Amino acid sequence: MPDTTVALLEARLLALDPLTLIIEDDSHLHAGHAGARGGGHYRVDIVAQAFAGKNTVTRHRMVYAAAGDLMRERVHALSIRAWAPGEDV
């Protein structure tokens, strides 16, 4: 069964109008981790104009805000790499 959390994250992060969006489920790397029972581990690489002129903390907050309640219910850990177009990736 495909990971519906990835699909839900993708649908929500589309609100940031990304030029590039890659979401990886890294939960298998954390099997047995106590927190893994409360949600999965995911990695997001996103390029969006919305991040232009924003610092890293603000960009991460934007991603967390877009993810919304998934952060409390389905995501235990989220690794974020967020860039504006034209920045070195």
PDB file of N, CA and C in Angstrom:
ATOM      1  N   MET A   1       0.843  -1.180   0.000  1.00  0.00           N
ATOM      2  CA  MET A   1       0.000   0.000   0.000  1.00  0.00           C
ATOM      3  C   MET A   1       0.889   1.244   0.000  1.00  0.00           C
ATOM      4  N   PRO A   2       0.633   2.202  -0.887  1.00  0.00           N
ATOM      5  CA  PRO A   2       1.443   3.420  -0.912  1.00  0.00           C
ATOM      6  C   PRO A   2       1.253   4.209   0.380  1.00  0.00           C
ATOM      7  N   ASP A   3       2.269   4.941   0.766  1.00  0.00           N
ATOM      8  CA  ASP A   3       2.199   5.739   1.984  1.00  0.00           C
ATOM      9  C   ASP A   3       1.294   6.938   1.741  1.00  0.00           C
ATOM     10  N   THR A   4       0.143   6.937   2.373  1.00  0.00           N
ATOM     11  CA  THR A   4      -0.796   8.035   2.178  1.00  0.00           C
ATOM     12  C   THR A   4      -0.288   9.322   2.819  1.00  0.00           C
ATOM     13  N   THR A   5       0.598   9.214   3.798  1.00  0.00           N
ATOM     14  CA  THR A   5       1.151  10.419   4.415  1.00  0.00           C
ATOM     15  C   THR A   5       1.950  11.217   3.390  1.00  0.00           C
ATOM     16  N   VAL A   6       2.701  10.540   2.543  1.00  0.00           N
ATOM     17  CA  VAL A   6       3.449  11.235   1.492  1.00  0.00           C
ATOM     18  C   VAL A   6       2.480  11.974   0.573  1.00  0.00           C
ATOM     19  N   ALA A   7       1.400  11.336   0.186  1.00  0.00           N
ATOM     20  CA  ALA A   7       0.415  11.968  -0.689  1.00  0.00           C
ATOM     21  C   ALA A   7      -0.241  13.166   0.001  1.00  0.00           C
ATOM     22  N   LEU A   8      -0.546  13.028   1.274  1.00  0.00           N
ATOM     23  CA  LEU A   8      -1.145  14.131   2.028  1.00  0.00           C
ATOM     24  C   LEU A   8      -0.170  15.292   2.164  1.00  0.00           C
ATOM     25  N   LEU A   9       1.092  14.988   2.476  1.00  0.00           N
ATOM     26  CA  LEU A   9       2.107  16.043   2.559  1.00  0.00           C
ATOM     27  C   LEU A   9       2.241  16.759   1.222  1.00  0.00           C
ATOM     28  N   GLU A  10       2.303  15.992   0.157  1.00  0.00           N
ATOM     29  CA  GLU A  10       2.440  16.592  -1.172  1.00  0.00           C
ATOM     30  C   GLU A  10       1.270  17.523  -1.462  1.00  0.00           C
ATOM     31  N   ALA A  11       0.054  17.074  -1.193  1.00  0.00           N
ATOM     32  CA  ALA A  11      -1.128  17.891  -1.459  1.00  0.00           C
ATOM     33  C   ALA A  11      -1.076  19.201  -0.676  1.00  0.00           C
ATOM     34  N   ARG A  12      -0.624  19.141   0.548  1.00  0.00           N
ATOM     35  CA  ARG A  12      -0.581  20.352   1.373  1.00  0.00           C
ATOM     36  C   ARG A  12       0.569  21.282   0.975  1.00  0.00           C
ATOM     37  N   LEU A  13       1.699  20.710   0.636  1.00  0.00           N
ATOM     38  CA  LEU A  13       2.846  21.545   0.274  1.00  0.00           C
ATOM     39  C   LEU A  13       2.674  22.198  -1.095  1.00  0.00           C
ATOM     40  N   LEU A  14       1.752  21.704  -1.893  1.00  0.00           N
ATOM     41  CA  LEU A  14       1.455  22.345  -3.175  1.00  0.00           C
ATOM     42  C   LEU A  14       0.916  23.761  -2.965  1.00  0.00           C
ATOM     43  N   ALA A  15       0.432  24.057  -1.764  1.00  0.00           N
ATOM     44  CA  ALA A  15      -0.037  25.404  -1.442  1.00  0.00           C
ATOM     45  C   ALA A  15       1.099  26.424  -1.531  1.00  0.00           C
ATOM     46  N   LEU A  16       2.348  25.959  -1.408  1.00  0.00           N
ATOM     47  CA  LEU A  16       3.513  26.841  -1.527  1.00  0.00           C
ATOM     48  C   LEU A  16       3.921  27.048  -2.983  1.00  0.00           C
ATOM     49  N   ASP A  17       3.179  26.458  -3.902  1.00  0.00           N
ATOM     50  CA  ASP A  17       3.417  26.576  -5.342  1.00  0.00           C
ATOM     51  C   ASP A  17       4.873  26.229  -5.709  1.00  0.00           C
ATOM     52  N   PRO A  18       5.318  25.028  -5.332  1.00  0.00           N
ATOM     53  CA  PRO A  18       6.717  24.673  -5.574  1.00  0.00           C
ATOM     54  C   PRO A  18       7.028  24.439  -7.047  1.00  0.00           C
ATOM     55  N   LEU A  19       8.252  24.812  -7.416  1.00  0.00           N
ATOM     56  CA  LEU A  19       8.771  24.461  -8.735  1.00  0.00           C
ATOM     57  C   LEU A  19       9.275  23.026  -8.707  1.00  0.00           C
ATOM     58  N   THR A  20       9.802  22.632  -7.549  1.00  0.00           N
ATOM     59  CA  THR A  20      10.280  21.272  -7.331  1.00  0.00           C
ATOM     60  C   THR A  20       9.815  20.825  -5.954  1.00  0.00           C
ATOM     61  N   LEU A  21       9.332  19.593  -5.865  1.00  0.00           N
ATOM     62  CA  LEU A  21       8.925  19.029  -4.583  1.00  0.00           C
ATOM     63  C   LEU A  21       9.234  17.541  -4.584  1.00  0.00           C
ATOM     64  N   ILE A  22      10.099  17.139  -3.677  1.00  0.00           N
ATOM     65  CA  ILE A  22      10.446  15.727  -3.520  1.00  0.00           C
ATOM     66  C   ILE A  22      10.214  15.371  -2.058  1.00  0.00           C
ATOM     67  N   ILE A  23       9.435  14.326  -1.837  1.00  0.00           N
ATOM     68  CA  ILE A  23       9.164  13.852  -0.480  1.00  0.00           C
ATOM     69  C   ILE A  23       9.581  12.392  -0.410  1.00  0.00           C
ATOM     70  N   GLU A  24      10.441  12.097   0.545  1.00  0.00           N
ATOM     71  CA  GLU A  24      10.920  10.725   0.747  1.00  0.00           C
ATOM     72  C   GLU A  24      10.460  10.223   2.109  1.00  0.00           C
ATOM     73  N   ASP A  25       9.999   8.992   2.158  1.00  0.00           N
ATOM     74  CA  ASP A  25       9.635   8.343   3.414  1.00  0.00           C
ATOM     75  C   ASP A  25      10.861   7.598   3.923  1.00  0.00           C
ATOM     76  N   ASP A  26      11.449   8.106   5.007  1.00  0.00           N
ATOM     77  CA  ASP A  26      12.634   7.490   5.597  1.00  0.00           C
ATOM     78  C   ASP A  26      12.293   6.668   6.844  1.00  0.00           C
ATOM     79  N   SER A  27      11.030   6.350   7.037  1.00  0.00           N
ATOM     80  CA  SER A  27      10.591   5.656   8.245  1.00  0.00           C
ATOM     81  C   SER A  27      11.320   4.332   8.442  1.00  0.00           C
ATOM     82  N   HIS A  28      11.601   3.636   7.352  1.00  0.00           N
ATOM     83  CA  HIS A  28      12.274   2.342   7.456  1.00  0.00           C
ATOM     84  C   HIS A  28      13.666   2.459   8.085  1.00  0.00           C
ATOM     85  N   LEU A  29      14.267   3.627   7.990  1.00  0.00           N
ATOM     86  CA  LEU A  29      15.591   3.837   8.578  1.00  0.00           C
ATOM     87  C   LEU A  29      15.529   3.995  10.089  1.00  0.00           C
ATOM     88  N   HIS A  30      14.311   4.153  10.612  1.00  0.00           N
ATOM     89  CA  HIS A  30      14.131   4.409  12.032  1.00  0.00           C
ATOM     90  C   HIS A  30      13.311   3.325  12.707  1.00  0.00           C
ATOM     91  N   ALA A  31      13.227   2.160  12.094  1.00  0.00           N
ATOM     92  CA  ALA A  31      12.474   1.048  12.675  1.00  0.00           C
ATOM     93  C   ALA A  31      13.016   0.737  14.061  1.00  0.00           C
ATOM     94  N   GLY A  32      12.111   0.583  14.997  1.00  0.00           N
ATOM     95  CA  GLY A  32      12.510   0.292  16.372  1.00  0.00           C
ATOM     96  C   GLY A  32      12.710   1.539  17.208  1.00  0.00           C
ATOM     97  N   HIS A  33      12.800   2.685  16.580  1.00  0.00           N
ATOM     98  CA  HIS A  33      12.926   3.966  17.278  1.00  0.00           C
ATOM     99  C   HIS A  33      11.616   4.191  18.032  1.00  0.00           C
ATOM    100  N   ALA A  34      11.694   4.532  19.310  1.00  0.00           N
ATOM    101  CA  ALA A  34      10.495   4.682  20.138  1.00  0.00           C
ATOM    102  C   ALA A  34       9.493   5.651  19.524  1.00  0.00           C
ATOM    103  N   GLY A  35       9.948   6.755  18.965  1.00  0.00           N
ATOM    104  CA  GLY A  35       9.044   7.741  18.394  1.00  0.00           C
ATOM    105  C   GLY A  35       8.426   7.319  17.085  1.00  0.00           C
ATOM    106  N   ALA A  36       8.973   6.309  16.442  1.00  0.00           N
ATOM    107  CA  ALA A  36       8.472   5.888  15.142  1.00  0.00           C
ATOM    108  C   ALA A  36       7.031   5.386  15.228  1.00  0.00           C
ATOM    109  N   ARG A  37       6.615   4.947  16.405  1.00  0.00           N
ATOM    110  CA  ARG A  37       5.242   4.466  16.549  1.00  0.00           C
ATOM    111  C   ARG A  37       4.232   5.598  16.436  1.00  0.00           C
ATOM    112  N   GLY A  38       4.658   6.842  16.715  1.00  0.00           N
ATOM    113  CA  GLY A  38       3.747   7.969  16.701  1.00  0.00           C
ATOM    114  C   GLY A  38       3.736   8.719  15.386  1.00  0.00           C
ATOM    115  N   GLY A  39       4.257   8.161  14.347  1.00  0.00           N
ATOM    116  CA  GLY A  39       4.295   8.823  13.048  1.00  0.00           C
ATOM    117  C   GLY A  39       5.589   8.486  12.339  1.00  0.00           C
ATOM    118  N   GLY A  40       5.640   8.805  11.074  1.00  0.00           N
ATOM    119  CA  GLY A  40       6.793   8.446  10.270  1.00  0.00           C
ATOM    120  C   GLY A  40       7.845   9.534  10.212  1.00  0.00           C
ATOM    121  N   HIS A  41       8.964   9.189   9.575  1.00  0.00           N
ATOM    122  CA  HIS A  41      10.088  10.093   9.345  1.00  0.00           C
ATOM    123  C   HIS A  41      10.134  10.402   7.856  1.00  0.00           C
ATOM    124  N   TYR A  42      10.128  11.687   7.516  1.00  0.00           N
ATOM    125  CA  TYR A  42      10.065  12.090   6.123  1.00  0.00           C
ATOM    126  C   TYR A  42      11.121  13.153   5.823  1.00  0.00           C
ATOM    127  N   ARG A  43      11.499  13.199   4.550  1.00  0.00           N
ATOM    128  CA  ARG A  43      12.463  14.191   4.071  1.00  0.00           C
ATOM    129  C   ARG A  43      11.802  14.960   2.925  1.00  0.00           C
ATOM    130  N   VAL A  44      11.881  16.297   2.993  1.00  0.00           N
ATOM    131  CA  VAL A  44      11.278  17.154   1.976  1.00  0.00           C
ATOM    132  C   VAL A  44      12.359  18.037   1.366  1.00  0.00           C
ATOM    133  N   ASP A  45      12.455  18.014   0.052  1.00  0.00           N
ATOM    134  CA  ASP A  45      13.266  18.961  -0.713  1.00  0.00           C
ATOM    135  C   ASP A  45      12.282  19.773  -1.528  1.00  0.00           C
ATOM    136  N   ILE A  46      12.301  21.101  -1.340  1.00  0.00           N
ATOM    137  CA  ILE A  46      11.314  21.950  -1.995  1.00  0.00           C
ATOM    138  C   ILE A  46      11.961  23.243  -2.470  1.00  0.00           C
ATOM    139  N   VAL A  47      11.637  23.611  -3.699  1.00  0.00           N
ATOM    140  CA  VAL A  47      12.077  24.888  -4.270  1.00  0.00           C
ATOM    141  C   VAL A  47      10.808  25.666  -4.597  1.00  0.00           C
ATOM    142  N   ALA A  48      10.698  26.874  -4.024  1.00  0.00           N
ATOM    143  CA  ALA A  48       9.507  27.689  -4.260  1.00  0.00           C
ATOM    144  C   ALA A  48       9.859  29.171  -4.188  1.00  0.00           C
ATOM    145  N   GLN A  49       9.232  29.950  -5.036  1.00  0.00           N
ATOM    146  CA  GLN A  49       9.417  31.402  -5.024  1.00  0.00           C
ATOM    147  C   GLN A  49       9.002  31.978  -3.669  1.00  0.00           C
ATOM    148  N   ALA A  50       8.079  31.328  -2.993  1.00  0.00           N
ATOM    149  CA  ALA A  50       7.597  31.806  -1.689  1.00  0.00           C
ATOM    150  C   ALA A  50       8.720  31.925  -0.664  1.00  0.00           C
ATOM    151  N   PHE A  51       9.837  31.235  -0.884  1.00  0.00           N
ATOM    152  CA  PHE A  51      10.955  31.269   0.060  1.00  0.00           C
ATOM    153  C   PHE A  51      11.944  32.400  -0.215  1.00  0.00           C
ATOM    154  N   ALA A  52      11.779  33.103  -1.321  1.00  0.00           N
ATOM    155  CA  ALA A  52      12.717  34.177  -1.682  1.00  0.00           C
ATOM    156  C   ALA A  52      12.753  35.237  -0.576  1.00  0.00           C
ATOM    157  N   GLY A  53      13.972  35.580  -0.157  1.00  0.00           N
ATOM    158  CA  GLY A  53      14.158  36.605   0.853  1.00  0.00           C
ATOM    159  C   GLY A  53      13.874  36.152   2.276  1.00  0.00           C
ATOM    160  N   LYS A  54      13.560  34.875   2.463  1.00  0.00           N
ATOM    161  CA  LYS A  54      13.243  34.341   3.788  1.00  0.00           C
ATOM    162  C   LYS A  54      14.427  33.540   4.321  1.00  0.00           C
ATOM    163  N   ASN A  55      14.636  33.595   5.632  1.00  0.00           N
ATOM    164  CA  ASN A  55      15.706  32.803   6.227  1.00  0.00           C
ATOM    165  C   ASN A  55      15.250  31.356   6.429  1.00  0.00           C
ATOM    166  N   THR A  56      16.167  30.509   6.826  1.00  0.00           N
ATOM    167  CA  THR A  56      15.889  29.075   6.968  1.00  0.00           C
ATOM    168  C   THR A  56      14.770  28.799   7.956  1.00  0.00           C
ATOM    169  N   VAL A  57      14.796  29.464   9.106  1.00  0.00           N
ATOM    170  CA  VAL A  57      13.768  29.229  10.124  1.00  0.00           C
ATOM    171  C   VAL A  57      12.385  29.577   9.576  1.00  0.00           C
ATOM    172  N   THR A  58      12.271  30.695   8.905  1.00  0.00           N
ATOM    173  CA  THR A  58      10.983  31.106   8.331  1.00  0.00           C
ATOM    174  C   THR A  58      10.521  30.116   7.270  1.00  0.00           C
ATOM    175  N   ARG A  59      11.435  29.644   6.447  1.00  0.00           N
ATOM    176  CA  ARG A  59      11.084  28.658   5.416  1.00  0.00           C
ATOM    177  C   ARG A  59      10.551  27.381   6.054  1.00  0.00           C
ATOM    178  N   HIS A  60      11.222  26.920   7.099  1.00  0.00           N
ATOM    179  CA  HIS A  60      10.778  25.704   7.775  1.00  0.00           C
ATOM    180  C   HIS A  60       9.406  25.915   8.404  1.00  0.00           C
ATOM    181  N   ARG A  61       9.192  27.070   8.994  1.00  0.00           N
ATOM    182  CA  ARG A  61       7.878  27.371   9.582  1.00  0.00           C
ATOM    183  C   ARG A  61       6.792  27.367   8.516  1.00  0.00           C
ATOM    184  N   MET A  62       7.121  27.841   7.336  1.00  0.00           N
ATOM    185  CA  MET A  62       6.158  27.833   6.237  1.00  0.00           C
ATOM    186  C   MET A  62       5.789  26.403   5.847  1.00  0.00           C
ATOM    187  N   VAL A  63       6.780  25.527   5.812  1.00  0.00           N
ATOM    188  CA  VAL A  63       6.528  24.121   5.482  1.00  0.00           C
ATOM    189  C   VAL A  63       5.690  23.475   6.584  1.00  0.00           C
ATOM    190  N   TYR A  64       6.060  23.709   7.848  1.00  0.00           N
ATOM    191  CA  TYR A  64       5.286  23.150   8.965  1.00  0.00           C
ATOM    192  C   TYR A  64       3.841  23.653   8.936  1.00  0.00           C
ATOM    193  N   ALA A  65       3.655  24.937   8.656  1.00  0.00           N
ATOM    194  CA  ALA A  65       2.305  25.502   8.604  1.00  0.00           C
ATOM    195  C   ALA A  65       1.488  24.847   7.486  1.00  0.00           C
ATOM    196  N   ALA A  66       2.116  24.638   6.335  1.00  0.00           N
ATOM    197  CA  ALA A  66       1.413  23.993   5.225  1.00  0.00           C
ATOM    198  C   ALA A  66       1.061  22.545   5.562  1.00  0.00           C
ATOM    199  N   ALA A  67       1.954  21.855   6.272  1.00  0.00           N
ATOM    200  CA  ALA A  67       1.703  20.463   6.664  1.00  0.00           C
ATOM    201  C   ALA A  67       0.591  20.383   7.711  1.00  0.00           C
ATOM    202  N   GLY A  68       0.460  21.422   8.506  1.00  0.00           N
ATOM    203  CA  GLY A  68      -0.638  21.505   9.472  1.00  0.00           C
ATOM    204  C   GLY A  68      -0.696  20.352  10.455  1.00  0.00           C
ATOM    205  N   ASP A  69      -1.882  19.794  10.622  1.00  0.00           N
ATOM    206  CA  ASP A  69      -2.108  18.755  11.624  1.00  0.00           C
ATOM    207  C   ASP A  69      -1.378  17.447  11.321  1.00  0.00           C
ATOM    208  N   LEU A  70      -0.851  17.291  10.124  1.00  0.00           N
ATOM    209  CA  LEU A  70      -0.057  16.085   9.835  1.00  0.00           C
ATOM    210  C   LEU A  70       1.153  16.016  10.763  1.00  0.00           C
ATOM    211  N   MET A  71       1.646  17.188  11.180  1.00  0.00           N
ATOM    212  CA  MET A  71       2.812  17.220  12.061  1.00  0.00           C
ATOM    213  C   MET A  71       2.485  16.661  13.438  1.00  0.00           C
ATOM    214  N   ARG A  72       1.242  16.725  13.837  1.00  0.00           N
ATOM    215  CA  ARG A  72       0.849  16.178  15.141  1.00  0.00           C
ATOM    216  C   ARG A  72       0.377  14.735  15.042  1.00  0.00           C
ATOM    217  N   GLU A  73      -0.143  14.364  13.895  1.00  0.00           N
ATOM    218  CA  GLU A  73      -0.830  13.087  13.790  1.00  0.00           C
ATOM    219  C   GLU A  73      -0.076  12.009  13.009  1.00  0.00           C
ATOM    220  N   ARG A  74       0.613  12.385  11.943  1.00  0.00           N
ATOM    221  CA  ARG A  74       1.196  11.370  11.055  1.00  0.00           C
ATOM    222  C   ARG A  74       2.694  11.494  10.861  1.00  0.00           C
ATOM    223  N   VAL A  75       3.277  12.630  11.252  1.00  0.00           N
ATOM    224  CA  VAL A  75       4.701  12.877  11.029  1.00  0.00           C
ATOM    225  C   VAL A  75       5.394  13.014  12.374  1.00  0.00           C
ATOM    226  N   HIS A  76       6.352  12.142  12.623  1.00  0.00           N
ATOM    227  CA  HIS A  76       7.153  12.232  13.842  1.00  0.00           C
ATOM    228  C   HIS A  76       8.357  13.147  13.621  1.00  0.00           C
ATOM    229  N   ALA A  77       8.975  13.020  12.450  1.00  0.00           N
ATOM    230  CA  ALA A  77      10.160  13.819  12.128  1.00  0.00           C
ATOM    231  C   ALA A  77      10.111  14.231  10.667  1.00  0.00           C
ATOM    232  N   LEU A  78      10.506  15.497  10.422  1.00  0.00           N
ATOM    233  CA  LEU A  78      10.508  16.019   9.063  1.00  0.00           C
ATOM    234  C   LEU A  78      11.814  16.759   8.829  1.00  0.00           C
ATOM    235  N   SER A  79      12.607  16.250   7.900  1.00  0.00           N
ATOM    236  CA  SER A  79      13.838  16.908   7.497  1.00  0.00           C
ATOM    237  C   SER A  79      13.498  17.780   6.292  1.00  0.00           C
ATOM    238  N   ILE A  80      13.837  19.062   6.375  1.00  0.00           N
ATOM    239  CA  ILE A  80      13.435  20.010   5.328  1.00  0.00           C
ATOM    240  C   ILE A  80      14.663  20.665   4.715  1.00  0.00           C
ATOM    241  N   ARG A  81      14.698  20.664   3.382  1.00  0.00           N
ATOM    242  CA  ARG A  81      15.662  21.476   2.631  1.00  0.00           C
ATOM    243  C   ARG A  81      14.821  22.327   1.697  1.00  0.00           C
ATOM    244  N   ALA A  82      14.809  23.646   1.973  1.00  0.00           N
ATOM    245  CA  ALA A  82      13.938  24.559   1.236  1.00  0.00           C
ATOM    246  C   ALA A  82      14.767  25.672   0.611  1.00  0.00           C
ATOM    247  N   TRP A  83      14.568  25.894  -0.681  1.00  0.00           N
ATOM    248  CA  TRP A  83      15.297  26.902  -1.415  1.00  0.00           C
ATOM    249  C   TRP A  83      14.341  27.758  -2.226  1.00  0.00           C
ATOM    250  N   ALA A  84      14.818  28.950  -2.559  1.00  0.00           N
ATOM    251  CA  ALA A  84      14.142  29.797  -3.537  1.00  0.00           C
ATOM    252  C   ALA A  84      14.779  29.495  -4.897  1.00  0.00           C
ATOM    253  N   PRO A  85      14.069  29.746  -5.986  1.00  0.00           N
ATOM    254  CA  PRO A  85      14.648  29.508  -7.315  1.00  0.00           C
ATOM    255  C   PRO A  85      15.946  30.305  -7.479  1.00  0.00           C
ATOM    256  N   GLY A  86      16.920  29.671  -8.095  1.00  0.00           N
ATOM    257  CA  GLY A  86      18.197  30.325  -8.364  1.00  0.00           C
ATOM    258  C   GLY A  86      19.221  30.181  -7.261  1.00  0.00           C
ATOM    259  N   GLU A  87      18.815  29.718  -6.087  1.00  0.00           N
ATOM    260  CA  GLU A  87      19.788  29.508  -5.011  1.00  0.00           C
ATOM    261  C   GLU A  87      20.546  28.214  -5.263  1.00  0.00           C
ATOM    262  N   ASP A  88      21.768  28.166  -4.774  1.00  0.00           N
ATOM    263  CA  ASP A  88      22.556  26.944  -4.910  1.00  0.00           C
ATOM    264  C   ASP A  88      21.922  25.848  -4.078  1.00  0.00           C
ATOM    265  N   VAL A  89      21.660  24.737  -4.724  1.00  0.00           N
ATOM    266  CA  VAL A  89      21.021  23.602  -4.054  1.00  0.00           C
ATOM    267  C   VAL A  89      22.070  22.625  -3.589  1.00  0.00           C
TER     268      VAL A  89
END
